Structure formats: C-alpha cells, structure tokens
C-alpha cells in the first residue's frame, strides 16, 4: 500500500510539473484569442464609423454618454486594450476594463438578453470568462510584464 501511495504521488507531482509549465502557453493562447475578438471588433467599428454611430444612437442606450462619446470610447477600447493584452503589457488592467466593457455590452445591447439571440450571449459569456482568467490569474510568463519584472525590477530591487 505504501508503494502504491508513493507511485500515485510521483505521477501526480510529474503531471503537476508538466501542467504548470503549460500555463504560460495557455495564457498566451487566451491573450491571442482575446486580441483577435476585440481588436477586429474595434477595427470593424472604425472602418464603418457611420454604422457605428447609428448603432450607438439607436441600439445601445447608454444614458450618461452621448452616442458619439460612447462610440468613440468603445472603439478606442476595442483597438488599444487588446494590443496591451496581446503583448502582456499591464495585461491585468486592460483585461479588467474589457471584462467590465463586456458586461456593459450584455446589459446595454437589447438583443443579447432575448432568447432567440442566446448564441450571441454565449460568446459574451466566453469572452467574459477569458478576460476574467487573465485579470485574476495573470498574463503568464510569455509577456512583456513578466520580462520587465524579471529584468528591470530586479535591477532596481522593486
């Protein structure tokens, strides 16, 4: 029995070690996916600006912002923040902002809460979970933040 417990512990430790080394790759894959989704959404808004403004005037009902200001903030966030997330530069803050942004989209876009558009809601839930992972667990070792912390902060004993 003692040998069986020892064997199970060895296998468990081995698998844990391998999986721990994969976390940086998983975090990078999540960051790449979030970049693709949000950046291209922002570029689409930018390239069809008149449609974007019309959407914010008629679909999105954000009470405390003018449609132009809301469209500008939304487009800027969807272009700039994914770039920061992609490179892992301050990735927790931009992912937190996109998480909140995503939650606002769910509540301010009238179609997302209708049953016949549940497939769209599913996408927003997935994006919310992925941005939450980066927000709460970090951007991983394959990021500029990780490199800066290892190189620059070590020099200055931060």
C-alpha atoms as a PDB file:
ATOM      1  CA  UNK A   1       0.000   0.000   0.000  1.00  0.00           C
ATOM      2  CA  UNK A   2       2.833   2.353   0.860  1.00  0.00           C
ATOM      3  CA  UNK A   3       4.400   1.788  -2.561  1.00  0.00           C
ATOM      4  CA  UNK A   4       1.096   2.475  -4.311  1.00  0.00           C
ATOM      5  CA  UNK A   5       0.675   5.810  -2.498  1.00  0.00           C
ATOM      6  CA  UNK A   6       4.284   6.713  -3.332  1.00  0.00           C
ATOM      7  CA  UNK A   7       3.707   5.819  -7.010  1.00  0.00           C
ATOM      8  CA  UNK A   8       0.477   7.884  -7.196  1.00  0.00           C
ATOM      9  CA  UNK A   9       2.243  10.856  -5.563  1.00  0.00           C
ATOM     10  CA  UNK A  10       5.125  10.643  -8.052  1.00  0.00           C
ATOM     11  CA  UNK A  11       2.761  10.594 -11.025  1.00  0.00           C
ATOM     12  CA  UNK A  12       0.724  13.436  -9.559  1.00  0.00           C
ATOM     13  CA  UNK A  13       3.851  15.545  -8.988  1.00  0.00           C
ATOM     14  CA  UNK A  14       5.102  14.801 -12.506  1.00  0.00           C
ATOM     15  CA  UNK A  15       1.780  15.798 -14.118  1.00  0.00           C
ATOM     16  CA  UNK A  16       1.538  18.910 -11.959  1.00  0.00           C
ATOM     17  CA  UNK A  17       5.025  19.962 -13.033  1.00  0.00           C
ATOM     18  CA  UNK A  18       4.210  19.498 -16.723  1.00  0.00           C
ATOM     19  CA  UNK A  19       0.870  21.304 -16.465  1.00  0.00           C
ATOM     20  CA  UNK A  20       2.431  24.192 -14.530  1.00  0.00           C
ATOM     21  CA  UNK A  21       4.878  24.692 -17.401  1.00  0.00           C
ATOM     22  CA  UNK A  22       1.969  24.880 -19.847  1.00  0.00           C
ATOM     23  CA  UNK A  23       0.235  27.772 -18.089  1.00  0.00           C
ATOM     24  CA  UNK A  24       2.287  30.380 -19.946  1.00  0.00           C
ATOM     25  CA  UNK A  25       1.267  28.862 -23.290  1.00  0.00           C
ATOM     26  CA  UNK A  26      -2.397  28.704 -22.259  1.00  0.00           C
ATOM     27  CA  UNK A  27      -2.309  32.338 -21.084  1.00  0.00           C
ATOM     28  CA  UNK A  28      -0.713  33.354 -24.395  1.00  0.00           C
ATOM     29  CA  UNK A  29      -3.378  31.452 -26.349  1.00  0.00           C
ATOM     30  CA  UNK A  30      -6.124  33.216 -24.361  1.00  0.00           C
ATOM     31  CA  UNK A  31      -4.465  36.580 -24.982  1.00  0.00           C
ATOM     32  CA  UNK A  32      -4.205  35.867 -28.727  1.00  0.00           C
ATOM     33  CA  UNK A  33      -7.876  34.898 -28.880  1.00  0.00           C
ATOM     34  CA  UNK A  34      -8.998  37.977 -26.941  1.00  0.00           C
ATOM     35  CA  UNK A  35      -6.855  40.165 -29.200  1.00  0.00           C
ATOM     36  CA  UNK A  36      -8.481  38.677 -32.298  1.00  0.00           C
ATOM     37  CA  UNK A  37     -12.033  39.136 -30.995  1.00  0.00           C
ATOM     38  CA  UNK A  38     -11.806  42.638 -29.539  1.00  0.00           C
ATOM     39  CA  UNK A  39      -9.270  44.212 -31.931  1.00  0.00           C
ATOM     40  CA  UNK A  40     -11.161  43.191 -35.055  1.00  0.00           C
ATOM     41  CA  UNK A  41     -14.443  44.324 -33.499  1.00  0.00           C
ATOM     42  CA  UNK A  42     -12.844  47.735 -32.923  1.00  0.00           C
ATOM     43  CA  UNK A  43     -11.442  47.840 -36.451  1.00  0.00           C
ATOM     44  CA  UNK A  44     -14.869  46.986 -37.858  1.00  0.00           C
ATOM     45  CA  UNK A  45     -16.381  49.854 -35.862  1.00  0.00           C
ATOM     46  CA  UNK A  46     -13.663  52.179 -37.101  1.00  0.00           C
ATOM     47  CA  UNK A  47     -13.972  51.239 -40.777  1.00  0.00           C
ATOM     48  CA  UNK A  48     -17.756  51.621 -40.748  1.00  0.00           C
ATOM     49  CA  UNK A  49     -17.945  54.659 -38.490  1.00  0.00           C
ATOM     50  CA  UNK A  50     -21.356  55.849 -39.715  1.00  0.00           C
ATOM     51  CA  UNK A  51     -22.866  52.440 -38.888  1.00  0.00           C
ATOM     52  CA  UNK A  52     -21.141  52.515 -35.518  1.00  0.00           C
ATOM     53  CA  UNK A  53     -22.642  55.906 -34.712  1.00  0.00           C
ATOM     54  CA  UNK A  54     -26.069  54.720 -35.854  1.00  0.00           C
ATOM     55  CA  UNK A  55     -25.776  51.656 -33.602  1.00  0.00           C
ATOM     56  CA  UNK A  56     -24.947  53.809 -30.602  1.00  0.00           C
ATOM     57  CA  UNK A  57     -27.805  56.180 -31.415  1.00  0.00           C
ATOM     58  CA  UNK A  58     -30.473  53.504 -31.853  1.00  0.00           C
ATOM     59  CA  UNK A  59     -29.380  50.188 -30.278  1.00  0.00           C
ATOM     60  CA  UNK A  60     -27.085  50.895 -27.349  1.00  0.00           C
ATOM     61  CA  UNK A  61     -28.898  53.043 -24.826  1.00  0.00           C
ATOM     62  CA  UNK A  62     -26.146  54.380 -22.560  1.00  0.00           C
ATOM     63  CA  UNK A  63     -27.893  57.105 -20.604  1.00  0.00           C
ATOM     64  CA  UNK A  64     -24.932  59.046 -19.229  1.00  0.00           C
ATOM     65  CA  UNK A  65     -22.950  59.314 -22.515  1.00  0.00           C
ATOM     66  CA  UNK A  66     -23.744  60.842 -25.863  1.00  0.00           C
ATOM     67  CA  UNK A  67     -23.838  58.291 -28.702  1.00  0.00           C
ATOM     68  CA  UNK A  68     -20.710  59.851 -30.240  1.00  0.00           C
ATOM     69  CA  UNK A  69     -18.752  59.684 -26.965  1.00  0.00           C
ATOM     70  CA  UNK A  70     -19.881  56.112 -26.311  1.00  0.00           C
ATOM     71  CA  UNK A  71     -18.905  55.034 -29.843  1.00  0.00           C
ATOM     72  CA  UNK A  72     -15.523  56.749 -29.547  1.00  0.00           C
ATOM     73  CA  UNK A  73     -14.759  55.197 -26.144  1.00  0.00           C
ATOM     74  CA  UNK A  74     -15.924  51.771 -27.253  1.00  0.00           C
ATOM     75  CA  UNK A  75     -13.913  51.812 -30.477  1.00  0.00           C
ATOM     76  CA  UNK A  76     -10.783  53.114 -28.761  1.00  0.00           C
ATOM     77  CA  UNK A  77     -11.058  50.486 -26.019  1.00  0.00           C
ATOM     78  CA  UNK A  78     -11.544  47.693 -28.539  1.00  0.00           C
ATOM     79  CA  UNK A  79      -8.454  48.734 -30.505  1.00  0.00           C
ATOM     80  CA  UNK A  80      -5.969  49.798 -27.807  1.00  0.00           C
ATOM     81  CA  UNK A  81      -6.684  47.386 -24.936  1.00  0.00           C
ATOM     82  CA  UNK A  82      -6.334  44.165 -26.971  1.00  0.00           C
ATOM     83  CA  UNK A  83      -2.881  45.294 -28.132  1.00  0.00           C
ATOM     84  CA  UNK A  84      -1.807  45.675 -24.495  1.00  0.00           C
ATOM     85  CA  UNK A  85      -3.304  42.281 -23.674  1.00  0.00           C
ATOM     86  CA  UNK A  86      -1.610  40.638 -26.656  1.00  0.00           C
ATOM     87  CA  UNK A  87       1.844  41.780 -25.564  1.00  0.00           C
ATOM     88  CA  UNK A  88       1.073  41.248 -21.891  1.00  0.00           C
ATOM     89  CA  UNK A  89       1.809  44.845 -21.012  1.00  0.00           C
ATOM     90  CA  UNK A  90      -0.221  45.747 -17.951  1.00  0.00           C
ATOM     91  CA  UNK A  91      -2.466  42.932 -19.116  1.00  0.00           C
ATOM     92  CA  UNK A  92      -4.485  42.647 -15.912  1.00  0.00           C
ATOM     93  CA  UNK A  93      -5.811  46.203 -16.053  1.00  0.00           C
ATOM     94  CA  UNK A  94      -6.772  46.151 -19.771  1.00  0.00           C
ATOM     95  CA  UNK A  95      -8.408  42.749 -19.325  1.00  0.00           C
ATOM     96  CA  UNK A  96     -10.348  44.053 -16.313  1.00  0.00           C
ATOM     97  CA  UNK A  97     -11.543  47.010 -18.383  1.00  0.00           C
ATOM     98  CA  UNK A  98     -12.603  44.671 -21.217  1.00  0.00           C
ATOM     99  CA  UNK A  99     -14.356  42.434 -18.678  1.00  0.00           C
ATOM    100  CA  UNK A 100     -16.400  45.396 -17.414  1.00  0.00           C
ATOM    101  CA  UNK A 101     -16.890  46.579 -21.014  1.00  0.00           C
ATOM    102  CA  UNK A 102     -18.194  43.119 -21.935  1.00  0.00           C
ATOM    103  CA  UNK A 103     -20.630  43.122 -19.009  1.00  0.00           C
ATOM    104  CA  UNK A 104     -21.903  46.558 -20.087  1.00  0.00           C
ATOM    105  CA  UNK A 105     -22.420  45.254 -23.623  1.00  0.00           C
ATOM    106  CA  UNK A 106     -24.590  42.431 -22.303  1.00  0.00           C
ATOM    107  CA  UNK A 107     -26.853  44.791 -20.381  1.00  0.00           C
ATOM    108  CA  UNK A 108     -26.959  47.692 -22.844  1.00  0.00           C
ATOM    109  CA  UNK A 109     -27.411  45.724 -26.062  1.00  0.00           C
ATOM    110  CA  UNK A 110     -31.099  44.845 -26.124  1.00  0.00           C
ATOM    111  CA  UNK A 111     -30.775  41.764 -28.368  1.00  0.00           C
ATOM    112  CA  UNK A 112     -28.298  39.893 -26.175  1.00  0.00           C
ATOM    113  CA  UNK A 113     -30.863  39.175 -23.467  1.00  0.00           C
ATOM    114  CA  UNK A 114     -33.518  37.825 -25.841  1.00  0.00           C
ATOM    115  CA  UNK A 115     -33.894  34.053 -26.066  1.00  0.00           C
ATOM    116  CA  UNK A 116     -33.547  33.893 -29.858  1.00  0.00           C
ATOM    117  CA  UNK A 117     -30.113  35.576 -29.609  1.00  0.00           C
ATOM    118  CA  UNK A 118     -28.733  33.302 -26.885  1.00  0.00           C
ATOM    119  CA  UNK A 119     -25.883  32.229 -29.200  1.00  0.00           C
ATOM    120  CA  UNK A 120     -24.594  35.823 -29.076  1.00  0.00           C
ATOM    121  CA  UNK A 121     -24.893  35.870 -25.296  1.00  0.00           C
ATOM    122  CA  UNK A 122     -22.855  32.647 -25.167  1.00  0.00           C
ATOM    123  CA  UNK A 123     -19.984  34.412 -26.946  1.00  0.00           C
ATOM    124  CA  UNK A 124     -20.043  37.287 -24.471  1.00  0.00           C
ATOM    125  CA  UNK A 125     -20.030  34.857 -21.560  1.00  0.00           C
ATOM    126  CA  UNK A 126     -16.998  33.077 -23.051  1.00  0.00           C
ATOM    127  CA  UNK A 127     -15.171  36.389 -23.562  1.00  0.00           C
ATOM    128  CA  UNK A 128     -16.053  37.397 -20.014  1.00  0.00           C
ATOM    129  CA  UNK A 129     -14.633  34.157 -18.604  1.00  0.00           C
ATOM    130  CA  UNK A 130     -11.419  34.518 -20.637  1.00  0.00           C
ATOM    131  CA  UNK A 131     -10.895  38.152 -19.640  1.00  0.00           C
ATOM    132  CA  UNK A 132     -11.563  37.156 -16.024  1.00  0.00           C
ATOM    133  CA  UNK A 133      -8.881  34.446 -16.272  1.00  0.00           C
ATOM    134  CA  UNK A 134      -6.287  36.988 -17.430  1.00  0.00           C
ATOM    135  CA  UNK A 135      -7.494  39.514 -14.834  1.00  0.00           C
ATOM    136  CA  UNK A 136      -7.350  37.170 -11.855  1.00  0.00           C
ATOM    137  CA  UNK A 137      -4.601  34.712 -12.813  1.00  0.00           C
ATOM    138  CA  UNK A 138      -2.287  36.982 -14.769  1.00  0.00           C
ATOM    139  CA  UNK A 139      -0.836  37.121 -18.243  1.00  0.00           C
ATOM    140  CA  UNK A 140       1.775  34.372 -17.888  1.00  0.00           C
ATOM    141  CA  UNK A 141       5.496  34.112 -18.388  1.00  0.00           C
ATOM    142  CA  UNK A 142       5.302  34.827 -22.127  1.00  0.00           C
ATOM    143  CA  UNK A 143       4.554  38.523 -21.693  1.00  0.00           C
ATOM    144  CA  UNK A 144       6.308  41.885 -21.566  1.00  0.00           C
ATOM    145  CA  UNK A 145       5.253  42.399 -17.952  1.00  0.00           C
ATOM    146  CA  UNK A 146       6.923  39.159 -16.921  1.00  0.00           C
ATOM    147  CA  UNK A 147      10.098  40.112 -18.784  1.00  0.00           C
ATOM    148  CA  UNK A 148      10.105  43.626 -17.303  1.00  0.00           C
ATOM    149  CA  UNK A 149       9.585  42.311 -13.801  1.00  0.00           C
ATOM    150  CA  UNK A 150      12.411  39.810 -14.177  1.00  0.00           C
ATOM    151  CA  UNK A 151      14.851  42.232 -15.833  1.00  0.00           C
ATOM    152  CA  UNK A 152      14.085  45.802 -14.821  1.00  0.00           C
ATOM    153  CA  UNK A 153      12.540  45.386 -11.384  1.00  0.00           C
ATOM    154  CA  UNK A 154      15.331  43.012 -10.352  1.00  0.00           C
ATOM    155  CA  UNK A 155      17.852  45.750 -11.178  1.00  0.00           C
ATOM    156  CA  UNK A 156      16.038  48.291  -9.019  1.00  0.00           C
ATOM    157  CA  UNK A 157      15.094  45.775  -6.313  1.00  0.00           C
ATOM    158  CA  UNK A 158      11.378  46.564  -6.672  1.00  0.00           C
END
